[in-house]
Every structure is written in structure tokens, then in C-alpha cells.
Amino acid sequence: MTAMKTGLIYDDIFLKHDLPGHPEHAGRLKAVMSYLDEHSLAGKCERIIPRQAAEEELYTCHDRALVSLIKSSGDEGLVRIDPDTYMNEFSYEAAVKAAGGMIDLADAVMRGELTNGIVLSRPPGHHATASRSMGFCLFNTIALGARYCILTKKCKKAAIVDIDVHHGNGTQSIFYNDPSVLYISTHQYPHYPGTGRMNETGEGEGAGTTINIPFPAMTGDSGYSKVLEKIIIPALHRYQPEILFVSVGFDGHEKDPLSSIHLSLSGYNTLCRALIKAAEELCHQRIIFNLEGGYVPDVLGPGIGNIVRALIGDPTREDSFPAIMDRESHHTTDELIKRMKEMHNL
């Protein structure tokens, strides 16, 4: 077996998109990179310095009017795109380098130059729709990577699994009519941004290729684990993607202030390793993780560290926090699984 090569996208420009006091601040990514360096994990990856995506590449997922707006909005310093979403003079460059890095990483993975990879960038992306930046997000990084693979005929089918605690409304909307990308989202519901109901399953040619798993508060590790086994993995095996993308946010962790799902780092580790195993079984190990949310830096460091360990084939993991009591309601999760199996014929 050839040695695994894991690509890592990072650039200091991602730290310059910043607003102190905002939940989505540069300290999040600083904590991640510090952890990776301290535990000698970054050096075990192939470090890739991202380029700026061309505007034509951005247009594959976003309207020209949005690209023009974001390009010009931060010229004079701090601005608010909406009450949640900010820009400064570095934000456009950060967002287009996140996109360019994702595209180049996806290309290298599809060509076999790299086995797998992770994009550690800011701002996040999964709330950005074709025409609107929102929810801390400017451009939809992971959607641009998947769309690149399809448009350039690197593959015919890609899958995106979103395990951020918030529904990736932007990613869903971009691929809602597109059967070439399977979108699966686990998220707390009801919660921001209000989308992600179970009956949102795609339209037109894309009917059935959107799978939303709306969890109630306090679902916990065991609830996620059961849905992973009964819904997510079977859906991936049925779809047979040629590359798997994962929007990963650690805002479902018990310590995160923006949710009440109560996942642990061990729970996240189980999810991510299962998805890596699915990629081994389905698509020649081709899997790319993209950092989305997660607003406790002390959680992000070991959380991303565990993903990098898994990607490079290191079986160790870290859970920096005491185990929590799993509050999952078995009746609630079992009923959810039953309904989803019926809806998606799983």
C-alpha cells in the first residue's frame, strides 16, 4: 500500500479577517494551528499555500453581483454584510484564497497526488448561497470544491456531509436541483438559519439527493452514532460518490455557546473516523474536510487535531474534557431514524 499523503491548506491571511469580540474571530484558527504545531501534526501533512480563486471559478457557485459586492465591500475597513457577518480590508482575499486552496486540494486528491486533506481557513462558507453572504460566511468554500470536481469531469458524483451544528443552507441551495452532488446535513433544529427540515429533499433532477437530519437539543453522542450507522453510511453507500467532502464545525460540542446538542470530542472523533472509513470503502480514500464553525478555541485545537491524526493514519485521539452524560432520548432518535428510512427508502 502506498503511503498516505494528507494535504493541509492554511495561510496567515485567514487570521487577518478578524473582529475581536465576534464569535467568529481569528483566535479560533490560531488555536488550531498552535495545537497542530505543538503536537507535531502539521509537519506530517503536505502544506499547500493557497492561491486566490479566479472570479470565473467563484461564478460556478455564486452570482456575479455577489462576487462584485464582496470584492468591493471591505475596501474602506470594517463593514457589516448583515448583523452577523462582517468584512474588513483583508476579508475578500481570505475568502478567495480559501476557495482557491479548496479547489487545488480537490484537484490534487482527484489526481492521486494526495490521498486526502483538510482546509483550515476563515471565513467559513456553508451558509453562503449563490446570491447571499450570511451566517459569518462570504463564499461557499466546500461547494466550490465539489462543483469544480464535477465541472472539470474529475468525477461524476461527489458527496458533502455537513456535521456543523447549524444547517448548511447555502450548500443545500446550491445543489438542490443537482443530482451530481449528494448533500447530507446533521444539525440542531429548530436553530439558525431555520432551514433543514426533514422534508427538504431536493427538487427536479436533484430530488432525493438532499438528506436533512434535524436533531433536537441534547441529542448527544449516542444519537449521532445511531444516525451515522442507520442513515448516513447507508446513504453514502447507495449513492457511491467518487469523492467525499465534510463540512466540520465543532459548535455541536457541549462547551460551545451557540448550541445545545452536547457532542463530545470523542463523539466527533467517531463521526469523522467513520466518514474516513467510508471514503476508503467508496472512493479510494478521497476525503476532504473543511473547517466551518466551532467557537471555543480550546475545543477546536484537539478537535481538528483528532481529524488530522485520522487522516494521516494515526489511531490516537485526545478528548481534553471530562466525559459527559449522554442525554439522548432513545425514543426521539429511533423515531427520527424510522421516519428518515421511510422517506429516503433506506
Protein backbone atom coordinates (compact mmCIF):
# COMPACT_ATOMS: atom_id res chain seq x y z
CA MET A 1 0.00 0.00 0.00
CA THR A 2 1.35 3.44 -0.90
CA ALA A 3 1.95 5.89 1.92
CA MET A 4 -0.91 8.23 2.71
CA LYS A 5 -0.31 11.87 1.87
CA THR A 6 -2.57 14.42 3.55
CA GLY A 7 -2.83 17.93 2.16
CA LEU A 8 -3.26 20.87 4.55
CA ILE A 9 -4.46 24.28 3.35
CA TYR A 10 -3.52 27.26 5.51
CA ASP A 11 -2.36 30.86 5.07
CA ASP A 12 -1.81 33.69 7.54
CA ILE A 13 -4.28 35.80 5.54
CA PHE A 14 -7.02 33.76 7.22
CA LEU A 15 -6.10 35.43 10.53
CA LYS A 16 -6.45 38.94 9.14
CA HIS A 17 -10.19 38.53 8.60
CA ASP A 18 -11.00 39.40 12.19
CA LEU A 19 -13.36 41.23 14.51
CA PRO A 20 -12.43 40.97 18.21
CA GLY A 21 -15.44 40.11 20.33
CA HIS A 22 -17.24 38.41 17.44
CA PRO A 23 -17.77 34.63 17.85
CA GLU A 24 -16.02 34.01 14.52
CA HIS A 25 -12.64 35.59 15.31
CA ALA A 26 -9.02 34.87 14.40
CA GLY A 27 -8.32 33.20 17.75
CA ARG A 28 -10.25 30.17 16.57
CA LEU A 29 -7.75 29.34 13.85
CA LYS A 30 -4.74 30.44 15.91
CA ALA A 31 -5.70 27.82 18.48
CA VAL A 32 -5.94 25.14 15.78
CA MET A 33 -2.57 25.91 14.22
CA SER A 34 -0.88 26.16 17.64
CA TYR A 35 -2.25 22.76 18.59
CA LEU A 36 -1.12 21.15 15.33
CA ASP A 37 2.37 22.61 15.72
CA GLU A 38 2.67 21.68 19.40
CA HIS A 39 1.69 18.07 18.67
CA SER A 40 3.87 17.77 15.54
CA LEU A 41 0.84 17.15 13.33
CA ALA A 42 1.13 19.97 10.79
CA GLY A 43 4.58 18.74 9.77
CA LYS A 44 3.16 15.32 8.90
CA CYS A 45 0.95 16.89 6.22
CA GLU A 46 1.74 18.30 2.79
CA ARG A 47 1.38 22.03 3.43
CA ILE A 48 -0.23 23.84 0.50
CA ILE A 49 -0.15 27.64 0.27
CA PRO A 50 -3.47 28.61 -1.31
CA ARG A 51 -3.86 30.80 -4.36
CA GLN A 52 -6.69 33.23 -4.97
CA ALA A 53 -9.56 31.67 -6.85
CA ALA A 54 -10.33 33.39 -10.13
CA GLU A 55 -13.63 35.22 -10.37
CA GLU A 56 -14.72 32.78 -13.07
CA GLU A 57 -14.25 29.97 -10.55
CA LEU A 58 -16.38 31.82 -7.99
CA TYR A 59 -19.12 32.21 -10.61
CA THR A 60 -19.58 28.43 -10.72
CA CYS A 61 -21.46 28.72 -7.41
CA HIS A 62 -22.10 32.44 -6.90
CA ASP A 63 -23.82 35.24 -8.77
CA ARG A 64 -21.64 37.90 -10.35
CA ALA A 65 -23.44 40.55 -8.31
CA LEU A 66 -22.47 38.85 -5.03
CA VAL A 67 -18.84 38.45 -6.06
CA SER A 68 -18.71 42.14 -7.01
CA LEU A 69 -20.32 43.16 -3.71
CA ILE A 70 -17.91 41.16 -1.57
CA LYS A 71 -14.91 42.28 -3.62
CA SER A 72 -15.71 45.95 -3.01
CA SER A 73 -17.30 45.89 0.44
CA GLY A 74 -14.21 45.75 2.63
CA ASP A 75 -12.18 48.40 0.82
CA GLU A 76 -12.73 51.05 3.47
CA GLY A 77 -12.35 48.91 6.58
CA LEU A 78 -14.92 47.13 8.71
CA VAL A 79 -18.40 46.70 7.24
CA ARG A 80 -21.39 44.54 8.12
CA ILE A 81 -22.87 42.42 5.34
CA ASP A 82 -25.70 41.58 7.74
CA PRO A 83 -26.00 41.73 11.55
CA ASP A 84 -23.96 38.51 11.89
CA THR A 85 -21.49 38.78 9.02
CA TYR A 86 -18.59 41.21 8.84
CA MET A 87 -15.82 42.13 6.43
CA ASN A 88 -12.62 44.14 6.66
CA GLU A 89 -9.96 45.04 4.10
CA PHE A 90 -8.50 41.51 4.22
CA SER A 91 -11.73 39.51 4.05
CA TYR A 92 -12.09 39.23 0.28
CA GLU A 93 -8.53 37.96 -0.11
CA ALA A 94 -9.06 35.46 2.72
CA ALA A 95 -12.29 34.17 1.20
CA VAL A 96 -10.92 33.77 -2.33
CA LYS A 97 -7.77 32.08 -1.04
CA ALA A 98 -9.93 29.66 0.94
CA ALA A 99 -11.76 28.90 -2.31
CA GLY A 100 -8.59 28.61 -4.37
CA GLY A 101 -6.99 26.34 -1.80
CA MET A 102 -10.03 24.08 -1.70
CA ILE A 103 -10.14 23.82 -5.49
CA ASP A 104 -6.44 22.98 -5.76
CA LEU A 105 -6.67 20.45 -2.92
CA ALA A 106 -9.65 18.75 -4.56
CA ASP A 107 -7.76 18.64 -7.84
CA ALA A 108 -4.68 17.07 -6.21
CA VAL A 109 -6.79 14.48 -4.39
CA MET A 110 -8.71 13.56 -7.53
CA ARG A 111 -5.46 13.19 -9.49
CA GLY A 112 -3.99 10.95 -6.81
CA GLU A 113 -1.17 13.30 -5.85
CA LEU A 114 -2.65 13.46 -2.34
CA THR A 115 -4.70 10.84 -0.51
CA ASN A 116 -6.94 13.21 1.42
CA GLY A 117 -6.82 16.66 3.01
CA ILE A 118 -8.15 19.41 5.23
CA VAL A 119 -8.82 23.09 4.61
CA LEU A 120 -8.14 25.26 7.67
CA SER A 121 -9.42 28.62 6.54
CA ARG A 122 -11.61 31.51 7.55
CA PRO A 123 -14.22 32.84 6.99
CA PRO A 124 -16.37 29.68 6.96
CA GLY A 125 -18.62 29.00 3.99
CA HIS A 126 -21.59 26.68 4.28
CA HIS A 127 -24.24 29.39 4.86
CA ALA A 128 -23.27 31.35 1.72
CA THR A 129 -25.87 30.88 -1.03
CA ALA A 130 -25.45 31.70 -4.70
CA SER A 131 -26.67 35.25 -4.12
CA ARG A 132 -26.12 35.99 -0.44
CA SER A 133 -23.31 36.01 2.11
CA MET A 134 -24.64 35.31 5.60
CA GLY A 135 -24.07 33.48 8.87
CA PHE A 136 -20.39 34.55 9.17
CA CYS A 137 -19.79 33.17 5.61
CA LEU A 138 -18.77 35.04 2.44
CA PHE A 139 -18.22 32.39 -0.27
CA ASN A 140 -19.13 28.71 -0.06
CA THR A 141 -15.73 27.06 0.05
CA ILE A 142 -16.85 23.44 0.12
CA ALA A 143 -19.45 23.91 -2.61
CA LEU A 144 -16.80 25.43 -4.87
CA GLY A 145 -14.61 22.37 -4.35
CA ALA A 146 -17.37 19.91 -5.18
CA ARG A 147 -18.59 21.93 -8.17
CA TYR A 148 -15.02 22.09 -9.53
CA CYS A 149 -14.73 18.31 -9.47
CA ILE A 150 -17.97 17.91 -11.39
CA LEU A 151 -17.47 20.69 -13.95
CA THR A 152 -13.94 19.60 -14.81
CA LYS A 153 -15.10 16.00 -15.11
CA LYS A 154 -12.71 14.84 -12.41
CA CYS A 155 -15.70 12.81 -11.24
CA LYS A 156 -19.36 12.30 -12.00
CA LYS A 157 -20.62 12.20 -8.41
CA ALA A 158 -19.48 13.89 -5.19
CA ALA A 159 -20.96 13.88 -1.70
CA ILE A 160 -20.91 16.50 1.05
CA VAL A 161 -21.61 15.56 4.65
CA ASP A 162 -22.19 18.57 6.89
CA ILE A 163 -21.66 17.99 10.62
CA ASP A 164 -21.71 21.61 11.71
CA VAL A 165 -24.45 22.13 14.29
CA HIS A 166 -26.13 24.70 12.01
CA HIS A 167 -27.80 23.67 8.78
CA GLY A 168 -25.71 24.47 5.70
CA ASN A 169 -28.47 26.29 3.88
CA GLY A 170 -26.06 27.71 1.32
CA THR A 171 -24.62 24.36 0.32
CA GLN A 172 -28.10 22.85 0.15
CA SER A 173 -29.47 25.62 -2.06
CA ILE A 174 -26.53 25.50 -4.48
CA PHE A 175 -27.02 21.77 -5.13
CA TYR A 176 -30.76 21.43 -4.50
CA ASN A 177 -31.51 20.66 -8.17
CA ASP A 178 -28.21 18.90 -8.91
CA PRO A 179 -28.09 15.07 -8.78
CA SER A 180 -24.31 15.05 -9.17
CA VAL A 181 -23.80 16.11 -5.52
CA LEU A 182 -25.37 14.32 -2.57
CA TYR A 183 -25.80 16.67 0.39
CA ILE A 184 -26.32 15.20 3.87
CA SER A 185 -26.67 17.52 6.86
CA THR A 186 -26.86 16.81 10.59
CA HIS A 187 -27.91 19.87 12.58
CA GLN A 188 -29.83 21.10 15.60
CA TYR A 189 -33.39 22.00 14.70
CA PRO A 190 -35.04 24.41 15.20
CA HIS A 191 -31.94 26.56 15.13
CA TYR A 192 -30.22 29.14 12.91
CA PRO A 193 -30.78 29.60 9.96
CA GLY A 194 -34.21 27.93 10.22
CA THR A 195 -33.80 25.62 7.23
CA GLY A 196 -33.02 21.90 7.12
CA ARG A 197 -36.38 20.26 7.70
CA MET A 198 -36.58 16.56 7.02
CA ASN A 199 -38.88 17.09 4.02
CA GLU A 200 -36.30 19.26 2.22
CA THR A 201 -35.03 16.51 -0.07
CA GLY A 202 -34.12 18.24 -3.34
CA GLU A 203 -36.07 19.29 -6.41
CA GLY A 204 -36.21 18.44 -10.11
CA GLU A 205 -33.32 16.24 -11.18
CA GLY A 206 -31.91 16.64 -7.67
CA ALA A 207 -34.95 15.13 -5.94
CA GLY A 208 -33.74 12.73 -3.28
CA THR A 209 -30.12 13.90 -3.23
CA THR A 210 -30.58 16.18 -0.22
CA ILE A 211 -30.85 14.42 3.14
CA ASN A 212 -31.54 16.54 6.21
CA ILE A 213 -31.21 15.07 9.70
CA PRO A 214 -32.78 17.60 12.11
CA PHE A 215 -31.74 16.72 15.66
CA PRO A 216 -33.46 18.03 18.80
CA ALA A 217 -31.38 19.65 21.52
CA MET A 218 -29.34 17.33 23.75
CA THR A 219 -29.14 14.53 21.19
CA GLY A 220 -25.65 13.59 22.36
CA ASP A 221 -23.04 11.16 21.08
CA SER A 222 -25.23 8.05 21.00
CA GLY A 223 -27.96 9.73 18.97
CA TYR A 224 -25.44 10.86 16.37
CA SER A 225 -23.80 7.44 16.32
CA LYS A 226 -27.08 5.67 15.61
CA VAL A 227 -27.99 8.04 12.77
CA LEU A 228 -24.49 7.67 11.35
CA GLU A 229 -24.89 3.89 11.26
CA LYS A 230 -28.51 3.75 10.12
CA ILE A 231 -28.81 6.73 7.74
CA ILE A 232 -25.57 8.46 6.72
CA ILE A 233 -23.34 5.49 5.89
CA PRO A 234 -26.10 3.56 4.04
CA ALA A 235 -26.97 6.69 2.03
CA LEU A 236 -23.33 7.15 1.02
CA HIS A 237 -23.02 3.50 0.01
CA ARG A 238 -26.16 3.75 -2.09
CA TYR A 239 -25.00 6.94 -3.82
CA GLN A 240 -21.41 5.75 -4.47
CA PRO A 241 -19.59 9.13 -4.59
CA GLU A 242 -16.13 9.39 -6.12
CA ILE A 243 -15.00 11.96 -3.54
CA LEU A 244 -16.36 12.90 -0.11
CA PHE A 245 -16.29 16.40 1.35
CA VAL A 246 -17.05 17.10 5.01
CA SER A 247 -18.14 20.47 6.42
CA VAL A 248 -16.98 20.11 10.01
CA GLY A 249 -17.96 22.52 12.75
CA PHE A 250 -17.26 21.92 16.42
CA ASP A 251 -20.16 24.11 17.50
CA GLY A 252 -22.07 20.98 18.48
CA HIS A 253 -19.65 20.39 21.35
CA GLU A 254 -21.05 20.53 24.88
CA LYS A 255 -18.95 23.62 25.73
CA ASP A 256 -19.99 25.65 22.69
CA PRO A 257 -22.26 28.62 23.49
CA LEU A 258 -24.15 28.56 20.18
CA SER A 259 -25.87 25.18 20.52
CA SER A 260 -27.17 22.56 22.92
CA ILE A 261 -26.56 19.28 21.08
CA HIS A 262 -23.96 18.11 23.64
CA LEU A 263 -21.48 16.21 21.48
CA SER A 264 -18.10 15.35 22.98
CA LEU A 265 -14.73 15.33 21.25
CA SER A 266 -14.92 11.53 21.37
CA GLY A 267 -18.27 11.74 19.60
CA TYR A 268 -16.80 13.94 16.89
CA ASN A 269 -13.86 11.57 16.55
CA THR A 270 -16.25 8.66 15.99
CA LEU A 271 -18.14 10.59 13.29
CA CYS A 272 -15.04 11.73 11.44
CA ARG A 273 -13.28 8.38 11.53
CA ALA A 274 -16.42 6.65 10.25
CA LEU A 275 -16.56 9.07 7.32
CA ILE A 276 -12.87 8.46 6.58
CA LYS A 277 -13.56 4.73 6.60
CA ALA A 278 -16.50 5.27 4.22
CA ALA A 279 -14.17 7.16 1.87
CA GLU A 280 -11.75 4.21 2.00
CA GLU A 281 -14.56 1.83 1.04
CA LEU A 282 -16.25 4.01 -1.58
CA CYS A 283 -13.84 6.44 -3.21
CA HIS A 284 -10.22 5.33 -2.87
CA GLN A 285 -9.74 7.26 0.41
CA ARG A 286 -10.60 10.58 -1.27
CA ILE A 287 -11.97 12.79 1.51
CA ILE A 288 -11.55 16.50 2.26
CA PHE A 289 -12.56 18.22 5.49
CA ASN A 290 -13.36 21.94 5.60
CA LEU A 291 -13.46 23.92 8.84
CA GLU A 292 -16.80 25.64 9.36
CA GLY A 293 -17.98 26.66 12.86
CA GLY A 294 -16.94 25.99 16.43
CA TYR A 295 -16.48 28.90 18.81
CA VAL A 296 -14.46 27.55 21.73
CA PRO A 297 -10.76 27.64 20.77
CA ASP A 298 -9.82 25.06 23.42
CA VAL A 299 -12.19 22.61 21.70
CA LEU A 300 -11.15 23.43 18.13
CA GLY A 301 -7.47 22.60 18.67
CA PRO A 302 -7.83 18.98 19.78
CA GLY A 303 -10.93 18.51 17.61
CA ILE A 304 -9.07 19.36 14.41
CA GLY A 305 -6.02 17.55 15.77
CA ASN A 306 -8.06 14.35 16.00
CA ILE A 307 -9.15 14.74 12.37
CA VAL A 308 -5.57 15.24 11.19
CA ARG A 309 -4.49 12.18 13.18
CA ALA A 310 -7.21 10.15 11.49
CA LEU A 311 -6.30 11.43 8.03
CA ILE A 312 -2.61 10.53 8.41
CA GLY A 313 -3.42 7.10 9.84
CA ASP A 314 -2.60 7.80 13.48
CA PRO A 315 -5.04 5.83 15.71
CA THR A 316 -4.58 8.05 18.79
CA ARG A 317 -7.07 10.72 19.83
CA GLU A 318 -7.48 13.34 22.51
CA ASP A 319 -10.54 14.34 24.49
CA SER A 320 -9.47 17.28 26.63
CA PHE A 321 -12.72 17.45 28.57
CA PRO A 322 -14.37 15.06 31.03
CA ALA A 323 -16.92 12.68 29.58
CA ILE A 324 -20.46 13.99 29.67
CA MET A 325 -23.70 12.21 30.46
CA ASP A 326 -25.32 11.27 27.17
CA ARG A 327 -28.73 12.92 27.25
CA GLU A 328 -30.06 11.44 24.02
CA SER A 329 -33.70 10.40 24.07
CA HIS A 330 -33.78 6.93 22.53
CA HIS A 331 -37.43 7.30 21.60
CA THR A 332 -36.76 10.61 19.82
CA THR A 333 -33.77 9.32 17.83
CA ASP A 334 -35.36 5.99 16.99
CA GLU A 335 -38.46 7.75 15.68
CA LEU A 336 -36.29 10.10 13.61
CA ILE A 337 -34.43 7.15 12.09
CA LYS A 338 -37.69 5.34 11.31
CA ARG A 339 -39.14 8.38 9.53
CA MET A 340 -35.95 9.01 7.58
CA LYS A 341 -35.68 5.41 6.45
CA GLU A 342 -39.20 5.60 5.12
CA MET A 343 -38.68 8.97 3.44
CA HIS A 344 -35.41 8.01 1.72
CA ASN A 345 -36.04 4.28 1.21
CA LEU A 346 -33.00 3.32 3.25
